[in-house]
Amino acid sequence: TAAAFSDASQQVEDWQQAWAERDIRLAWVVMPLGLTLVVLLVRVFFDGTAGSGIPLLSVGIELQDGDPNFVRVFSLRILFGKIL
């Protein structure tokens, strides 16, 4: 998993370098719009994914399997939002 994140990070860095070489103004438009899109997605579709997730994980460890809150803490939606 760490290797995949490293590869993805390197790919994004390569894209940023290509944008800067093509037209530096493009980076000044794409980056703020991308950040705005991520914030919007987190607030609208992935409520509960903001932050590092460490407090969420510590609560999740204390929950028993079958607890209704367990599903909310460890849902695929939350997982996808954290990866995003």
C-alpha atoms as a PDB file:
ATOM      1  CA  THR A   1       0.000   0.000   0.000  1.00  0.00           C
ATOM      2  CA  ALA A   2       2.799   2.426   0.860  1.00  0.00           C
ATOM      3  CA  ALA A   3       4.460   1.703  -2.478  1.00  0.00           C
ATOM      4  CA  ALA A   4       1.219   2.471  -4.333  1.00  0.00           C
ATOM      5  CA  PHE A   5       0.870   5.803  -2.496  1.00  0.00           C
ATOM      6  CA  SER A   6       4.510   6.579  -3.288  1.00  0.00           C
ATOM      7  CA  ASP A   7       3.941   5.831  -6.982  1.00  0.00           C
ATOM      8  CA  ALA A   8       0.768   7.945  -7.041  1.00  0.00           C
ATOM      9  CA  SER A   9       2.566  10.818  -5.310  1.00  0.00           C
ATOM     10  CA  GLN A  10       5.387  10.641  -7.841  1.00  0.00           C
ATOM     11  CA  GLN A  11       2.875  10.670 -10.713  1.00  0.00           C
ATOM     12  CA  VAL A  12       1.155  13.788  -9.334  1.00  0.00           C
ATOM     13  CA  GLU A  13       4.527  15.474  -8.897  1.00  0.00           C
ATOM     14  CA  ASP A  14       5.399  14.668 -12.523  1.00  0.00           C
ATOM     15  CA  TRP A  15       2.062  16.164 -13.671  1.00  0.00           C
ATOM     16  CA  GLN A  16       2.708  19.303 -11.646  1.00  0.00           C
ATOM     17  CA  GLN A  17       6.151  19.652 -13.204  1.00  0.00           C
ATOM     18  CA  ALA A  18       4.662  19.233 -16.683  1.00  0.00           C
ATOM     19  CA  TRP A  19       2.049  21.938 -15.935  1.00  0.00           C
ATOM     20  CA  ALA A  20       4.722  24.309 -14.686  1.00  0.00           C
ATOM     21  CA  GLU A  21       6.828  23.763 -17.799  1.00  0.00           C
ATOM     22  CA  ARG A  22       3.833  24.259 -20.080  1.00  0.00           C
ATOM     23  CA  ASP A  23       2.342  27.336 -18.408  1.00  0.00           C
ATOM     24  CA  ILE A  24       2.933  28.290 -14.772  1.00  0.00           C
ATOM     25  CA  ARG A  25      -0.463  30.011 -14.619  1.00  0.00           C
ATOM     26  CA  LEU A  26      -2.168  26.652 -15.175  1.00  0.00           C
ATOM     27  CA  ALA A  27      -0.819  25.386 -11.840  1.00  0.00           C
ATOM     28  CA  TRP A  28      -2.269  28.486 -10.126  1.00  0.00           C
ATOM     29  CA  VAL A  29      -5.712  27.542 -11.465  1.00  0.00           C
ATOM     30  CA  VAL A  30      -5.682  23.735 -11.191  1.00  0.00           C
ATOM     31  CA  MET A  31      -4.376  23.455  -7.625  1.00  0.00           C
ATOM     32  CA  PRO A  32      -6.925  25.752  -5.919  1.00  0.00           C
ATOM     33  CA  LEU A  33      -9.785  24.267  -7.938  1.00  0.00           C
ATOM     34  CA  GLY A  34      -8.648  20.740  -7.061  1.00  0.00           C
ATOM     35  CA  LEU A  35      -8.436  21.574  -3.364  1.00  0.00           C
ATOM     36  CA  THR A  36     -11.880  23.177  -3.501  1.00  0.00           C
ATOM     37  CA  LEU A  37     -13.274  20.042  -5.162  1.00  0.00           C
ATOM     38  CA  VAL A  38     -11.771  17.785  -2.481  1.00  0.00           C
ATOM     39  CA  VAL A  39     -13.160  19.954   0.338  1.00  0.00           C
ATOM     40  CA  LEU A  40     -16.594  19.955  -1.314  1.00  0.00           C
ATOM     41  CA  LEU A  41     -16.553  16.167  -1.739  1.00  0.00           C
ATOM     42  CA  VAL A  42     -15.531  15.630   1.891  1.00  0.00           C
ATOM     43  CA  ARG A  43     -18.236  17.926   3.245  1.00  0.00           C
ATOM     44  CA  VAL A  44     -21.074  16.734   0.975  1.00  0.00           C
ATOM     45  CA  PHE A  45     -20.438  13.043   0.259  1.00  0.00           C
ATOM     46  CA  PHE A  46     -17.921  11.852   2.843  1.00  0.00           C
ATOM     47  CA  ASP A  47     -19.061  13.371   6.128  1.00  0.00           C
ATOM     48  CA  GLY A  48     -16.936  11.977   8.932  1.00  0.00           C
ATOM     49  CA  THR A  49     -13.710  11.651   6.943  1.00  0.00           C
ATOM     50  CA  ALA A  50     -12.094  14.957   7.918  1.00  0.00           C
ATOM     51  CA  GLY A  51      -9.000  14.781  10.092  1.00  0.00           C
ATOM     52  CA  SER A  52      -6.337  12.150  10.586  1.00  0.00           C
ATOM     53  CA  GLY A  53      -8.692   9.360  11.631  1.00  0.00           C
ATOM     54  CA  ILE A  54      -6.705   8.412  14.726  1.00  0.00           C
ATOM     55  CA  PRO A  55      -9.507   9.321  17.187  1.00  0.00           C
ATOM     56  CA  LEU A  56     -11.983   7.509  14.940  1.00  0.00           C
ATOM     57  CA  LEU A  57      -9.805   4.406  14.963  1.00  0.00           C
ATOM     58  CA  SER A  58      -9.456   4.438  18.759  1.00  0.00           C
ATOM     59  CA  VAL A  59     -13.252   4.609  19.120  1.00  0.00           C
ATOM     60  CA  GLY A  60     -13.645   1.872  16.530  1.00  0.00           C
ATOM     61  CA  ILE A  61     -11.339  -0.451  18.439  1.00  0.00           C
ATOM     62  CA  GLU A  62     -13.586  -0.149  21.503  1.00  0.00           C
ATOM     63  CA  LEU A  63     -16.765  -0.903  19.537  1.00  0.00           C
ATOM     64  CA  GLN A  64     -18.025  -4.458  19.339  1.00  0.00           C
ATOM     65  CA  ASP A  65     -18.803  -6.071  16.003  1.00  0.00           C
ATOM     66  CA  GLY A  66     -22.551  -5.729  15.488  1.00  0.00           C
ATOM     67  CA  ASP A  67     -22.756  -2.318  17.153  1.00  0.00           C
ATOM     68  CA  PRO A  68     -24.636   0.075  14.816  1.00  0.00           C
ATOM     69  CA  ASN A  69     -21.877   2.650  15.199  1.00  0.00           C
ATOM     70  CA  PHE A  70     -19.271   0.087  14.084  1.00  0.00           C
ATOM     71  CA  VAL A  71     -20.678   0.122  10.555  1.00  0.00           C
ATOM     72  CA  ARG A  72     -20.691   3.931  10.495  1.00  0.00           C
ATOM     73  CA  VAL A  73     -17.068   4.131  11.622  1.00  0.00           C
ATOM     74  CA  PHE A  74     -15.760   1.408   9.295  1.00  0.00           C
ATOM     75  CA  SER A  75     -17.938   1.807   6.205  1.00  0.00           C
ATOM     76  CA  LEU A  76     -16.620   1.596   2.639  1.00  0.00           C
ATOM     77  CA  ARG A  77     -17.808   5.169   2.085  1.00  0.00           C
ATOM     78  CA  ILE A  78     -15.575   6.391   4.929  1.00  0.00           C
ATOM     79  CA  LEU A  79     -12.685   4.281   3.620  1.00  0.00           C
ATOM     80  CA  PHE A  80     -13.018   5.699   0.103  1.00  0.00           C
ATOM     81  CA  GLY A  81     -13.295   9.242   1.457  1.00  0.00           C
ATOM     82  CA  LYS A  82     -10.122   8.780   3.518  1.00  0.00           C
ATOM     83  CA  ILE A  83      -8.226   7.546   0.456  1.00  0.00           C
ATOM     84  CA  LEU A  84      -9.514  10.460  -1.604  1.00  0.00           C
END
